[in-house]
Amino acid sequence: MRINRLVATAMLGVAALGLNACATGFPTQVSRFQAMPAPQGESFFVVPANPAQSGGLQFTQYATIAAQAMQAQGYFPAVSPQTATMLVQLDYGVDQGRQEIDVDPFANGYYGGGFGGFYDPFYRRGYYGRPYYSRYGGYGRTPFYYGWDDPFWGSSFDNTRAYTVYKSYLDVNIRRRADNAALFEGHAKARSQTDNLGVLVPNLIEAMFTGFPGRNGETVRITVPTQRRPS
């Protein structure tokens, strides 16, 4: 029994470290294929991959963020698609969500108590987060957790917790306008407890352009840090 309690204490410490390290960022998985030219005066224009989004206020907002990210890489914005050397195609979305129920193994003496034996301390937990300021959202509980498919994703101090998990994505395809040659193909995905595209898409864009253009064929996990607003 003493050994079980010692193991439980150690595991709880590891879990706590995971919470402190990971619960304050937006975790994504980013895949990139690229043959991007080094910035040498190339210009770009951001266009929707879905023509139905053309001219929409929502797309315009995200296109502006993507354009700023491209400028930060050393490329120049063109005044129109016809005058750009590269076209940046943007697509994004979020699914309808899926409800999950998590169980806290430490609640009600589950570990080393009620069951009288070993219980996996990493079995499905759902963490609702600490208060935070997000650069793209208001003050509240963070809707982002851990790494993509990370076994430490979530924690709860209740016995069970029901919540909805949403999966979001961002696709960025860059083509040379003159011959339509592919220069960059990127896909970023994340899961969260919010389906607010106004929060999700800017974070996905930041993840996509972190370490841009990346290694050809590489899939990486990128956590976008949240920042506190100035007081």
C-alpha atoms as a PDB file:
ATOM      1  CA  MET A   1       0.000   0.000   0.000  1.00  0.00           C
ATOM      2  CA  ARG A   2       2.874   2.382   0.844  1.00  0.00           C
ATOM      3  CA  ILE A   3       4.481   1.743  -2.555  1.00  0.00           C
ATOM      4  CA  ASN A   4       1.176   2.453  -4.286  1.00  0.00           C
ATOM      5  CA  ARG A   5       0.888   5.738  -2.435  1.00  0.00           C
ATOM      6  CA  LEU A   6       4.435   6.703  -3.316  1.00  0.00           C
ATOM      7  CA  VAL A   7       3.796   5.954  -6.986  1.00  0.00           C
ATOM      8  CA  ALA A   8       0.555   7.912  -6.850  1.00  0.00           C
ATOM      9  CA  THR A   9       2.353  10.905  -5.350  1.00  0.00           C
ATOM     10  CA  ALA A  10       5.066  10.766  -8.030  1.00  0.00           C
ATOM     11  CA  MET A  11       2.548  10.448 -10.842  1.00  0.00           C
ATOM     12  CA  LEU A  12       0.511  13.341  -9.496  1.00  0.00           C
ATOM     13  CA  GLY A  13       3.678  15.459  -9.440  1.00  0.00           C
ATOM     14  CA  VAL A  14       4.402  14.605 -13.092  1.00  0.00           C
ATOM     15  CA  ALA A  15       0.825  15.453 -14.054  1.00  0.00           C
ATOM     16  CA  ALA A  16       1.056  18.769 -12.212  1.00  0.00           C
ATOM     17  CA  LEU A  17       4.251  19.620 -14.084  1.00  0.00           C
ATOM     18  CA  GLY A  18       2.465  18.843 -17.321  1.00  0.00           C
ATOM     19  CA  LEU A  19      -0.380  21.160 -16.379  1.00  0.00           C
ATOM     20  CA  ASN A  20       1.918  24.040 -15.511  1.00  0.00           C
ATOM     21  CA  ALA A  21       3.985  23.627 -18.675  1.00  0.00           C
ATOM     22  CA  CYS A  22       1.280  23.075 -21.246  1.00  0.00           C
ATOM     23  CA  ALA A  23      -2.049  24.521 -20.224  1.00  0.00           C
ATOM     24  CA  THR A  24      -1.270  28.140 -21.201  1.00  0.00           C
ATOM     25  CA  GLY A  25      -0.667  27.677 -24.945  1.00  0.00           C
ATOM     26  CA  PHE A  26      -2.468  26.701 -28.130  1.00  0.00           C
ATOM     27  CA  PRO A  27      -1.115  23.341 -29.356  1.00  0.00           C
ATOM     28  CA  THR A  28      -1.176  22.474 -33.045  1.00  0.00           C
ATOM     29  CA  GLN A  29       0.151  19.890 -35.446  1.00  0.00           C
ATOM     30  CA  VAL A  30       1.603  21.424 -38.609  1.00  0.00           C
ATOM     31  CA  SER A  31       2.593  19.606 -41.811  1.00  0.00           C
ATOM     32  CA  ARG A  32       4.481  21.493 -44.525  1.00  0.00           C
ATOM     33  CA  PHE A  33       5.797  20.744 -48.009  1.00  0.00           C
ATOM     34  CA  GLN A  34       7.788  23.551 -49.510  1.00  0.00           C
ATOM     35  CA  ALA A  35       9.945  24.766 -52.348  1.00  0.00           C
ATOM     36  CA  MET A  36       9.751  28.424 -51.369  1.00  0.00           C
ATOM     37  CA  PRO A  37      12.212  30.867 -52.908  1.00  0.00           C
ATOM     38  CA  ALA A  38      14.270  33.013 -50.576  1.00  0.00           C
ATOM     39  CA  PRO A  39      12.779  36.530 -50.342  1.00  0.00           C
ATOM     40  CA  GLN A  40      14.233  38.495 -53.248  1.00  0.00           C
ATOM     41  CA  GLY A  41      11.511  40.994 -54.016  1.00  0.00           C
ATOM     42  CA  GLU A  42       8.736  38.463 -54.598  1.00  0.00           C
ATOM     43  CA  SER A  43       5.231  39.775 -54.023  1.00  0.00           C
ATOM     44  CA  PHE A  44       2.097  37.953 -52.914  1.00  0.00           C
ATOM     45  CA  PHE A  45      -1.647  38.293 -52.682  1.00  0.00           C
ATOM     46  CA  VAL A  46      -3.886  36.291 -50.312  1.00  0.00           C
ATOM     47  CA  VAL A  47      -6.915  34.699 -51.964  1.00  0.00           C
ATOM     48  CA  PRO A  48      -9.590  32.314 -50.652  1.00  0.00           C
ATOM     49  CA  ALA A  49      -9.324  28.651 -51.595  1.00  0.00           C
ATOM     50  CA  ASN A  50     -13.130  28.648 -51.485  1.00  0.00           C
ATOM     51  CA  PRO A  51     -14.499  31.262 -53.924  1.00  0.00           C
ATOM     52  CA  ALA A  52     -17.618  31.593 -51.760  1.00  0.00           C
ATOM     53  CA  GLN A  53     -15.488  33.349 -49.134  1.00  0.00           C
ATOM     54  CA  SER A  54     -14.248  35.971 -51.558  1.00  0.00           C
ATOM     55  CA  GLY A  55     -15.009  39.501 -50.391  1.00  0.00           C
ATOM     56  CA  GLY A  56     -16.350  38.364 -47.009  1.00  0.00           C
ATOM     57  CA  LEU A  57     -15.461  40.364 -43.927  1.00  0.00           C
ATOM     58  CA  GLN A  58     -14.412  37.264 -42.011  1.00  0.00           C
ATOM     59  CA  PHE A  59     -12.022  36.111 -44.739  1.00  0.00           C
ATOM     60  CA  THR A  60     -10.645  39.642 -45.112  1.00  0.00           C
ATOM     61  CA  GLN A  61      -9.740  39.661 -41.424  1.00  0.00           C
ATOM     62  CA  TYR A  62      -7.862  36.354 -41.648  1.00  0.00           C
ATOM     63  CA  ALA A  63      -6.249  37.314 -44.960  1.00  0.00           C
ATOM     64  CA  THR A  64      -4.862  40.435 -43.297  1.00  0.00           C
ATOM     65  CA  ILE A  65      -3.271  38.336 -40.540  1.00  0.00           C
ATOM     66  CA  ALA A  66      -1.796  35.929 -43.099  1.00  0.00           C
ATOM     67  CA  ALA A  67      -0.475  38.855 -45.153  1.00  0.00           C
ATOM     68  CA  GLN A  68       1.255  40.262 -42.085  1.00  0.00           C
ATOM     69  CA  ALA A  69       2.847  36.860 -41.495  1.00  0.00           C
ATOM     70  CA  MET A  70       4.085  36.754 -45.105  1.00  0.00           C
ATOM     71  CA  GLN A  71       5.502  40.269 -44.796  1.00  0.00           C
ATOM     72  CA  ALA A  72       7.344  39.218 -41.653  1.00  0.00           C
ATOM     73  CA  GLN A  73       9.080  36.576 -43.789  1.00  0.00           C
ATOM     74  CA  GLY A  74      10.363  39.244 -46.194  1.00  0.00           C
ATOM     75  CA  TYR A  75       7.781  39.042 -48.991  1.00  0.00           C
ATOM     76  CA  PHE A  76       5.890  42.089 -50.264  1.00  0.00           C
ATOM     77  CA  PRO A  77       2.111  42.504 -50.588  1.00  0.00           C
ATOM     78  CA  ALA A  78       0.819  43.136 -54.103  1.00  0.00           C
ATOM     79  CA  VAL A  79      -2.115  45.412 -54.855  1.00  0.00           C
ATOM     80  CA  SER A  80      -3.977  42.712 -56.785  1.00  0.00           C
ATOM     81  CA  PRO A  81      -3.712  39.021 -57.704  1.00  0.00           C
ATOM     82  CA  GLN A  82      -2.769  40.008 -61.258  1.00  0.00           C
ATOM     83  CA  THR A  83       0.335  41.908 -60.123  1.00  0.00           C
ATOM     84  CA  ALA A  84       1.549  39.346 -57.555  1.00  0.00           C
ATOM     85  CA  THR A  85       4.312  36.858 -58.247  1.00  0.00           C
ATOM     86  CA  MET A  86       2.766  34.433 -55.722  1.00  0.00           C
ATOM     87  CA  LEU A  87      -0.820  33.631 -54.752  1.00  0.00           C
ATOM     88  CA  VAL A  88      -1.452  32.563 -51.157  1.00  0.00           C
ATOM     89  CA  GLN A  89      -4.576  30.397 -50.969  1.00  0.00           C
ATOM     90  CA  LEU A  90      -6.224  30.290 -47.541  1.00  0.00           C
ATOM     91  CA  ASP A  91      -8.785  27.794 -46.236  1.00  0.00           C
ATOM     92  CA  TYR A  92      -9.988  27.132 -42.685  1.00  0.00           C
ATOM     93  CA  GLY A  93     -12.779  25.527 -40.733  1.00  0.00           C
ATOM     94  CA  VAL A  94     -13.944  23.745 -37.583  1.00  0.00           C
ATOM     95  CA  ASP A  95     -16.088  20.641 -37.176  1.00  0.00           C
ATOM     96  CA  GLN A  96     -19.356  20.234 -35.258  1.00  0.00           C
ATOM     97  CA  GLY A  97     -17.589  18.875 -32.211  1.00  0.00           C
ATOM     98  CA  ARG A  98     -17.748  15.613 -30.326  1.00  0.00           C
ATOM     99  CA  GLN A  99     -18.769  15.145 -26.723  1.00  0.00           C
ATOM    100  CA  GLU A 100     -16.314  13.381 -24.439  1.00  0.00           C
ATOM    101  CA  ILE A 101     -16.581  12.259 -20.843  1.00  0.00           C
ATOM    102  CA  ASP A 102     -13.472  12.115 -18.697  1.00  0.00           C
ATOM    103  CA  VAL A 103     -12.905  10.380 -15.388  1.00  0.00           C
ATOM    104  CA  ASP A 104     -10.587  11.655 -12.672  1.00  0.00           C
ATOM    105  CA  PRO A 105      -8.811   8.636 -11.139  1.00  0.00           C
ATOM    106  CA  PHE A 106      -7.824  10.623  -8.032  1.00  0.00           C
ATOM    107  CA  ALA A 107     -11.379  11.584  -7.131  1.00  0.00           C
ATOM    108  CA  ASN A 108     -13.203   9.669  -4.406  1.00  0.00           C
ATOM    109  CA  GLY A 109     -10.121   7.639  -3.467  1.00  0.00           C
ATOM    110  CA  TYR A 110      -9.926   5.829  -6.822  1.00  0.00           C
ATOM    111  CA  TYR A 111      -6.160   5.506  -6.648  1.00  0.00           C
ATOM    112  CA  GLY A 112      -4.830   3.154  -3.978  1.00  0.00           C
ATOM    113  CA  GLY A 113      -8.158   3.349  -2.143  1.00  0.00           C
ATOM    114  CA  GLY A 114     -11.612   2.439  -3.367  1.00  0.00           C
ATOM    115  CA  PHE A 115     -10.347  -0.121  -5.877  1.00  0.00           C
ATOM    116  CA  GLY A 116      -7.676  -1.445  -3.527  1.00  0.00           C
ATOM    117  CA  GLY A 117      -5.076  -1.647  -6.264  1.00  0.00           C
ATOM    118  CA  PHE A 118      -3.216   0.101  -9.037  1.00  0.00           C
ATOM    119  CA  TYR A 119      -5.190   2.529 -11.180  1.00  0.00           C
ATOM    120  CA  ASP A 120      -3.722   4.259 -14.235  1.00  0.00           C
ATOM    121  CA  PRO A 121      -3.322   7.913 -13.150  1.00  0.00           C
ATOM    122  CA  PHE A 122      -3.240   9.097 -16.773  1.00  0.00           C
ATOM    123  CA  TYR A 123      -6.650   7.713 -17.714  1.00  0.00           C
ATOM    124  CA  ARG A 124      -8.667  10.355 -19.606  1.00  0.00           C
ATOM    125  CA  ARG A 125      -8.839  13.662 -17.849  1.00  0.00           C
ATOM    126  CA  GLY A 126     -10.471  16.892 -18.992  1.00  0.00           C
ATOM    127  CA  TYR A 127      -8.898  20.123 -17.784  1.00  0.00           C
ATOM    128  CA  TYR A 128     -10.875  23.334 -17.913  1.00  0.00           C
ATOM    129  CA  GLY A 129      -7.868  25.536 -17.530  1.00  0.00           C
ATOM    130  CA  ARG A 130      -6.628  28.437 -15.476  1.00  0.00           C
ATOM    131  CA  PRO A 131      -7.730  32.075 -16.014  1.00  0.00           C
ATOM    132  CA  TYR A 132      -5.715  33.778 -18.743  1.00  0.00           C
ATOM    133  CA  TYR A 133      -5.559  36.585 -21.273  1.00  0.00           C
ATOM    134  CA  SER A 134      -5.328  35.394 -24.861  1.00  0.00           C
ATOM    135  CA  ARG A 135      -4.063  37.708 -27.565  1.00  0.00           C
ATOM    136  CA  TYR A 136      -7.123  36.797 -29.634  1.00  0.00           C
ATOM    137  CA  GLY A 137      -9.733  36.260 -26.900  1.00  0.00           C
ATOM    138  CA  GLY A 138     -10.994  37.793 -23.706  1.00  0.00           C
ATOM    139  CA  TYR A 139     -10.273  36.975 -20.122  1.00  0.00           C
ATOM    140  CA  GLY A 140     -11.526  33.551 -19.158  1.00  0.00           C
ATOM    141  CA  ARG A 141     -10.566  29.911 -18.897  1.00  0.00           C
ATOM    142  CA  THR A 142      -8.209  28.749 -21.573  1.00  0.00           C
ATOM    143  CA  PRO A 143      -9.881  26.595 -24.253  1.00  0.00           C
ATOM    144  CA  PHE A 144      -6.555  25.125 -25.369  1.00  0.00           C
ATOM    145  CA  TYR A 145      -4.768  22.162 -23.883  1.00  0.00           C
ATOM    146  CA  TYR A 146      -1.586  20.178 -24.309  1.00  0.00           C
ATOM    147  CA  GLY A 147      -0.132  18.748 -27.484  1.00  0.00           C
ATOM    148  CA  TRP A 148      -1.980  17.121 -30.338  1.00  0.00           C
ATOM    149  CA  ASP A 149      -2.993  13.626 -29.112  1.00  0.00           C
ATOM    150  CA  ASP A 150      -0.906  14.222 -26.000  1.00  0.00           C
ATOM    151  CA  PRO A 151      -1.734  11.641 -23.282  1.00  0.00           C
ATOM    152  CA  PHE A 152      -1.602  14.410 -20.679  1.00  0.00           C
ATOM    153  CA  TRP A 153      -4.336  16.362 -22.525  1.00  0.00           C
ATOM    154  CA  GLY A 154      -6.674  17.571 -19.805  1.00  0.00           C
ATOM    155  CA  SER A 155      -7.213  17.200 -16.075  1.00  0.00           C
ATOM    156  CA  SER A 156     -10.160  17.495 -13.730  1.00  0.00           C
ATOM    157  CA  PHE A 157     -10.816  17.674 -10.042  1.00  0.00           C
ATOM    158  CA  ASP A 158     -14.320  16.291 -10.471  1.00  0.00           C
ATOM    159  CA  ASN A 159     -15.043  12.609 -10.734  1.00  0.00           C
ATOM    160  CA  THR A 160     -16.445  12.929 -14.257  1.00  0.00           C
ATOM    161  CA  ARG A 161     -16.731  15.774 -16.719  1.00  0.00           C
ATOM    162  CA  ALA A 162     -18.658  15.997 -19.983  1.00  0.00           C
ATOM    163  CA  TYR A 163     -17.463  18.491 -22.570  1.00  0.00           C
ATOM    164  CA  THR A 164     -17.300  19.043 -26.325  1.00  0.00           C
ATOM    165  CA  VAL A 165     -14.070  18.806 -28.308  1.00  0.00           C
ATOM    166  CA  TYR A 166     -13.787  20.666 -31.611  1.00  0.00           C
ATOM    167  CA  LYS A 167     -11.206  20.010 -34.314  1.00  0.00           C
ATOM    168  CA  SER A 168     -10.113  22.968 -36.419  1.00  0.00           C
ATOM    169  CA  TYR A 169      -7.809  23.275 -39.404  1.00  0.00           C
ATOM    170  CA  LEU A 170      -5.993  25.753 -41.614  1.00  0.00           C
ATOM    171  CA  ASP A 171      -4.680  25.105 -45.130  1.00  0.00           C
ATOM    172  CA  VAL A 172      -2.198  27.459 -46.783  1.00  0.00           C
ATOM    173  CA  ASN A 173      -1.164  26.781 -50.379  1.00  0.00           C
ATOM    174  CA  ILE A 174       1.235  29.121 -52.162  1.00  0.00           C
ATOM    175  CA  ARG A 175       1.603  28.987 -55.947  1.00  0.00           C
ATOM    176  CA  ARG A 176       3.676  30.917 -58.463  1.00  0.00           C
ATOM    177  CA  ARG A 177       1.172  32.927 -60.455  1.00  0.00           C
ATOM    178  CA  ALA A 178       3.039  32.784 -63.763  1.00  0.00           C
ATOM    179  CA  ASP A 179       2.851  28.990 -64.180  1.00  0.00           C
ATOM    180  CA  ASN A 180       0.740  27.850 -61.179  1.00  0.00           C
ATOM    181  CA  ALA A 181       3.696  25.878 -59.794  1.00  0.00           C
ATOM    182  CA  ALA A 182       3.276  24.769 -56.198  1.00  0.00           C
ATOM    183  CA  LEU A 183       5.700  26.484 -53.818  1.00  0.00           C
ATOM    184  CA  PHE A 184       4.192  25.670 -50.426  1.00  0.00           C
ATOM    185  CA  GLU A 185       1.501  23.346 -49.063  1.00  0.00           C
ATOM    186  CA  GLY A 186       0.753  23.568 -45.360  1.00  0.00           C
ATOM    187  CA  HIS A 187      -1.865  22.010 -43.117  1.00  0.00           C
ATOM    188  CA  ALA A 188      -2.332  22.917 -39.450  1.00  0.00           C
ATOM    189  CA  LYS A 189      -4.834  21.313 -37.101  1.00  0.00           C
ATOM    190  CA  ALA A 190      -5.780  21.680 -33.470  1.00  0.00           C
ATOM    191  CA  ARG A 191      -8.412  20.595 -30.972  1.00  0.00           C
ATOM    192  CA  SER A 192     -10.034  22.756 -28.354  1.00  0.00           C
ATOM    193  CA  GLN A 193     -13.193  23.323 -26.382  1.00  0.00           C
ATOM    194  CA  THR A 194     -14.138  26.343 -28.485  1.00  0.00           C
ATOM    195  CA  ASP A 195     -15.419  26.516 -32.053  1.00  0.00           C
ATOM    196  CA  ASN A 196     -14.886  30.267 -32.312  1.00  0.00           C
ATOM    197  CA  LEU A 197     -13.054  30.779 -35.601  1.00  0.00           C
ATOM    198  CA  GLY A 198     -12.148  34.303 -34.546  1.00  0.00           C
ATOM    199  CA  VAL A 199      -9.988  32.738 -31.837  1.00  0.00           C
ATOM    200  CA  LEU A 200      -8.874  29.600 -33.657  1.00  0.00           C
ATOM    201  CA  VAL A 201      -7.814  30.864 -37.086  1.00  0.00           C
ATOM    202  CA  PRO A 202      -5.368  33.584 -35.932  1.00  0.00           C
ATOM    203  CA  ASN A 203      -3.655  31.038 -33.683  1.00  0.00           C
ATOM    204  CA  LEU A 204      -3.511  28.487 -36.511  1.00  0.00           C
ATOM    205  CA  ILE A 205      -1.994  31.112 -38.804  1.00  0.00           C
ATOM    206  CA  GLU A 206       0.648  31.942 -36.219  1.00  0.00           C
ATOM    207  CA  ALA A 207       1.465  28.245 -35.852  1.00  0.00           C
ATOM    208  CA  MET A 208       1.671  27.812 -39.630  1.00  0.00           C
ATOM    209  CA  PHE A 209       4.181  30.639 -39.977  1.00  0.00           C
ATOM    210  CA  THR A 210       6.279  29.689 -36.950  1.00  0.00           C
ATOM    211  CA  GLY A 211       9.575  28.465 -38.399  1.00  0.00           C
ATOM    212  CA  PHE A 212       8.210  29.105 -41.902  1.00  0.00           C
ATOM    213  CA  PRO A 213       8.648  27.587 -44.416  1.00  0.00           C
ATOM    214  CA  GLY A 214      10.021  24.645 -42.430  1.00  0.00           C
ATOM    215  CA  ARG A 215      11.627  21.499 -43.760  1.00  0.00           C
ATOM    216  CA  ASN A 216      10.056  19.879 -46.778  1.00  0.00           C
ATOM    217  CA  GLY A 217       7.776  17.015 -45.752  1.00  0.00           C
ATOM    218  CA  GLU A 218       8.076  17.743 -42.038  1.00  0.00           C
ATOM    219  CA  THR A 219       5.272  17.410 -39.494  1.00  0.00           C
ATOM    220  CA  VAL A 220       5.865  19.280 -36.247  1.00  0.00           C
ATOM    221  CA  ARG A 221       4.000  20.106 -33.069  1.00  0.00           C
ATOM    222  CA  ILE A 222       3.896  23.819 -32.391  1.00  0.00           C
ATOM    223  CA  THR A 223       2.401  25.455 -29.308  1.00  0.00           C
ATOM    224  CA  VAL A 224       1.481  29.095 -29.786  1.00  0.00           C
ATOM    225  CA  PRO A 225       1.990  30.866 -26.443  1.00  0.00           C
ATOM    226  CA  THR A 226      -0.762  33.036 -25.055  1.00  0.00           C
ATOM    227  CA  GLN A 227       0.214  36.480 -23.871  1.00  0.00           C
ATOM    228  CA  ARG A 228      -1.277  38.678 -21.187  1.00  0.00           C
ATOM    229  CA  ARG A 229      -2.746  41.956 -22.321  1.00  0.00           C
ATOM    230  CA  PRO A 230      -0.954  45.080 -21.182  1.00  0.00           C
ATOM    231  CA  SER A 231      -2.435  46.490 -17.979  1.00  0.00           C
END
